[in-house]
């Protein structure tokens, strides 16, 4: 359980850092991805995108 929590948190951090690049692909703008601004700076927390990528990684892992 702890291993999966760490994996999801790591994926969340990677997606948050890669959001500007991934937005061109439409990722980061899914329903459930949180966007807010504080003092003129925009922050994105891609919850839905993280779950989607985790499911894709899980499916690939099951196939291999």
N, C-alpha and C. Protein backbone atom coordinates (compact mmCIF):
# COMPACT_ATOMS: atom_id res chain seq x y z
N UNK A 1 0.83 -1.20 0.00
CA UNK A 1 0.00 0.00 0.00
C UNK A 1 0.87 1.25 0.00
N UNK A 2 1.89 1.27 0.83
CA UNK A 2 2.76 2.44 0.92
C UNK A 2 3.54 2.64 -0.38
N UNK A 3 3.90 1.53 -1.04
CA UNK A 3 4.62 1.62 -2.31
C UNK A 3 3.75 2.29 -3.37
N UNK A 4 2.46 1.96 -3.41
CA UNK A 4 1.57 2.56 -4.40
C UNK A 4 1.32 4.04 -4.09
N UNK A 5 1.22 4.38 -2.83
CA UNK A 5 1.04 5.78 -2.45
C UNK A 5 2.25 6.60 -2.89
N UNK A 6 3.44 6.07 -2.66
CA UNK A 6 4.65 6.76 -3.09
C UNK A 6 4.69 6.89 -4.61
N UNK A 7 4.28 5.85 -5.33
CA UNK A 7 4.26 5.88 -6.79
C UNK A 7 3.30 6.94 -7.30
N UNK A 8 2.12 7.02 -6.72
CA UNK A 8 1.14 8.02 -7.14
C UNK A 8 1.63 9.44 -6.84
N UNK A 9 2.22 9.63 -5.67
CA UNK A 9 2.76 10.96 -5.34
C UNK A 9 3.90 11.35 -6.26
N UNK A 10 4.75 10.41 -6.61
CA UNK A 10 5.84 10.69 -7.54
C UNK A 10 5.29 11.03 -8.92
N UNK A 11 4.29 10.29 -9.38
CA UNK A 11 3.66 10.58 -10.67
C UNK A 11 2.99 11.95 -10.65
N UNK A 12 2.37 12.30 -9.55
CA UNK A 12 1.75 13.61 -9.40
C UNK A 12 2.79 14.72 -9.51
N UNK A 13 3.94 14.55 -8.89
CA UNK A 13 5.00 15.56 -8.95
C UNK A 13 5.56 15.68 -10.37
N UNK A 14 5.75 14.56 -11.04
CA UNK A 14 6.28 14.59 -12.41
C UNK A 14 5.28 15.25 -13.35
N UNK A 15 4.01 14.91 -13.22
CA UNK A 15 2.99 15.52 -14.08
C UNK A 15 2.85 17.02 -13.81
N UNK A 16 2.94 17.41 -12.56
CA UNK A 16 2.84 18.83 -12.24
C UNK A 16 4.01 19.61 -12.84
N UNK A 17 5.19 19.02 -12.83
CA UNK A 17 6.36 19.69 -13.41
C UNK A 17 6.29 19.72 -14.94
N UNK A 18 5.69 18.70 -15.54
CA UNK A 18 5.63 18.60 -16.99
C UNK A 18 4.34 19.17 -17.58
N UNK A 19 3.54 19.83 -16.78
CA UNK A 19 2.24 20.32 -17.24
C UNK A 19 2.32 21.26 -18.45
N UNK A 20 3.23 22.23 -18.48
CA UNK A 20 3.25 23.10 -19.67
C UNK A 20 3.45 22.32 -20.97
N UNK A 21 4.29 21.32 -20.96
CA UNK A 21 4.53 20.53 -22.16
C UNK A 21 3.33 19.63 -22.47
N UNK A 22 2.75 19.05 -21.43
CA UNK A 22 1.65 18.11 -21.62
C UNK A 22 0.34 18.80 -21.98
N UNK A 23 0.19 20.08 -21.66
CA UNK A 23 -1.05 20.79 -22.01
C UNK A 23 -1.26 20.86 -23.51
N UNK A 24 -0.17 20.84 -24.27
CA UNK A 24 -0.31 20.84 -25.72
C UNK A 24 -0.96 19.56 -26.22
N UNK A 25 -0.85 18.49 -25.42
CA UNK A 25 -1.47 17.21 -25.77
C UNK A 25 -2.88 17.07 -25.20
N UNK A 26 -3.31 18.04 -24.39
CA UNK A 26 -4.63 18.01 -23.79
C UNK A 26 -4.65 17.41 -22.40
N UNK A 27 -3.48 17.05 -21.88
CA UNK A 27 -3.40 16.47 -20.54
C UNK A 27 -3.17 17.60 -19.54
N UNK A 28 -3.86 17.54 -18.43
CA UNK A 28 -3.79 18.62 -17.44
C UNK A 28 -5.02 19.50 -17.48
N UNK A 29 -5.85 19.27 -18.47
CA UNK A 29 -7.11 20.02 -18.58
C UNK A 29 -8.31 19.10 -18.50
N UNK A 30 -8.10 17.92 -17.94
CA UNK A 30 -9.20 16.97 -17.79
C UNK A 30 -10.08 17.37 -16.61
N UNK A 31 -11.33 16.94 -16.59
CA UNK A 31 -12.17 17.21 -15.42
C UNK A 31 -11.56 16.54 -14.19
N UNK A 32 -11.42 17.26 -13.13
CA UNK A 32 -10.81 16.74 -11.92
C UNK A 32 -9.40 17.25 -11.69
N UNK A 33 -8.79 17.85 -12.71
CA UNK A 33 -7.49 18.48 -12.55
C UNK A 33 -7.72 19.88 -11.97
N UNK A 34 -7.10 20.13 -10.85
CA UNK A 34 -7.31 21.42 -10.17
C UNK A 34 -6.36 22.49 -10.69
N UNK A 35 -6.91 23.65 -10.97
CA UNK A 35 -6.12 24.81 -11.40
C UNK A 35 -6.51 25.98 -10.53
N UNK A 36 -5.53 26.66 -9.98
CA UNK A 36 -5.81 27.86 -9.20
C UNK A 36 -4.62 28.80 -9.27
N UNK A 37 -4.86 30.07 -9.02
CA UNK A 37 -3.78 31.05 -9.02
C UNK A 37 -3.68 31.76 -7.69
N UNK A 38 -2.45 32.00 -7.31
CA UNK A 38 -2.14 32.71 -6.08
C UNK A 38 -1.12 33.79 -6.44
N UNK A 39 -1.50 35.04 -6.21
CA UNK A 39 -0.62 36.18 -6.48
C UNK A 39 -0.11 36.19 -7.91
N UNK A 40 -0.96 35.87 -8.85
CA UNK A 40 -0.62 35.95 -10.26
C UNK A 40 0.10 34.72 -10.81
N UNK A 41 0.39 33.75 -10.00
CA UNK A 41 1.05 32.53 -10.48
C UNK A 41 0.03 31.40 -10.50
N UNK A 42 0.00 30.67 -11.61
CA UNK A 42 -0.96 29.58 -11.79
C UNK A 42 -0.35 28.27 -11.29
N UNK A 43 -1.13 27.53 -10.52
CA UNK A 43 -0.72 26.23 -10.01
C UNK A 43 -1.71 25.19 -10.54
N UNK A 44 -1.18 24.02 -10.88
CA UNK A 44 -1.99 22.94 -11.41
C UNK A 44 -1.72 21.69 -10.58
N UNK A 45 -2.78 21.02 -10.16
CA UNK A 45 -2.67 19.74 -9.47
C UNK A 45 -3.46 18.74 -10.32
N UNK A 46 -2.74 17.94 -11.12
CA UNK A 46 -3.41 17.05 -12.08
C UNK A 46 -3.84 15.71 -11.50
N UNK A 47 -4.88 15.71 -10.68
CA UNK A 47 -5.35 14.47 -10.05
C UNK A 47 -5.85 13.47 -11.10
N UNK A 48 -6.72 13.89 -11.97
CA UNK A 48 -7.30 12.98 -12.96
C UNK A 48 -6.25 12.47 -13.93
N UNK A 49 -5.36 13.34 -14.36
CA UNK A 49 -4.30 12.92 -15.27
C UNK A 49 -3.39 11.91 -14.61
N UNK A 50 -3.11 12.08 -13.32
CA UNK A 50 -2.27 11.13 -12.60
C UNK A 50 -2.93 9.76 -12.52
N UNK A 51 -4.21 9.74 -12.21
CA UNK A 51 -4.93 8.46 -12.15
C UNK A 51 -4.96 7.80 -13.52
N UNK A 52 -5.16 8.58 -14.56
CA UNK A 52 -5.18 8.05 -15.92
C UNK A 52 -3.83 7.44 -16.28
N UNK A 53 -2.74 8.14 -16.00
CA UNK A 53 -1.42 7.62 -16.29
C UNK A 53 -1.08 6.39 -15.44
N UNK A 54 -1.52 6.37 -14.20
CA UNK A 54 -1.29 5.19 -13.35
C UNK A 54 -2.04 3.98 -13.90
N UNK A 55 -3.25 4.18 -14.39
CA UNK A 55 -4.00 3.07 -14.98
C UNK A 55 -3.34 2.57 -16.25
N UNK A 56 -2.83 3.46 -17.06
CA UNK A 56 -2.12 3.07 -18.28
C UNK A 56 -0.85 2.30 -17.92
N UNK A 57 -0.10 2.80 -16.94
CA UNK A 57 1.13 2.12 -16.52
C UNK A 57 0.80 0.75 -15.94
N UNK A 58 -0.27 0.65 -15.18
CA UNK A 58 -0.70 -0.63 -14.62
C UNK A 58 -1.05 -1.62 -15.74
N UNK A 59 -1.79 -1.13 -16.73
CA UNK A 59 -2.19 -2.01 -17.84
C UNK A 59 -0.97 -2.48 -18.63
N UNK A 60 -0.01 -1.60 -18.84
CA UNK A 60 1.21 -2.00 -19.55
C UNK A 60 1.99 -3.01 -18.71
N UNK A 61 2.05 -2.78 -17.41
CA UNK A 61 2.73 -3.72 -16.52
C UNK A 61 2.08 -5.09 -16.51
N UNK A 62 0.78 -5.13 -16.59
CA UNK A 62 0.06 -6.42 -16.60
C UNK A 62 0.30 -7.16 -17.91
N UNK A 63 0.49 -6.42 -19.00
CA UNK A 63 0.72 -7.06 -20.30
C UNK A 63 2.13 -7.60 -20.45
N UNK A 64 3.07 -6.99 -19.74
CA UNK A 64 4.48 -7.40 -19.89
C UNK A 64 4.79 -8.55 -19.02
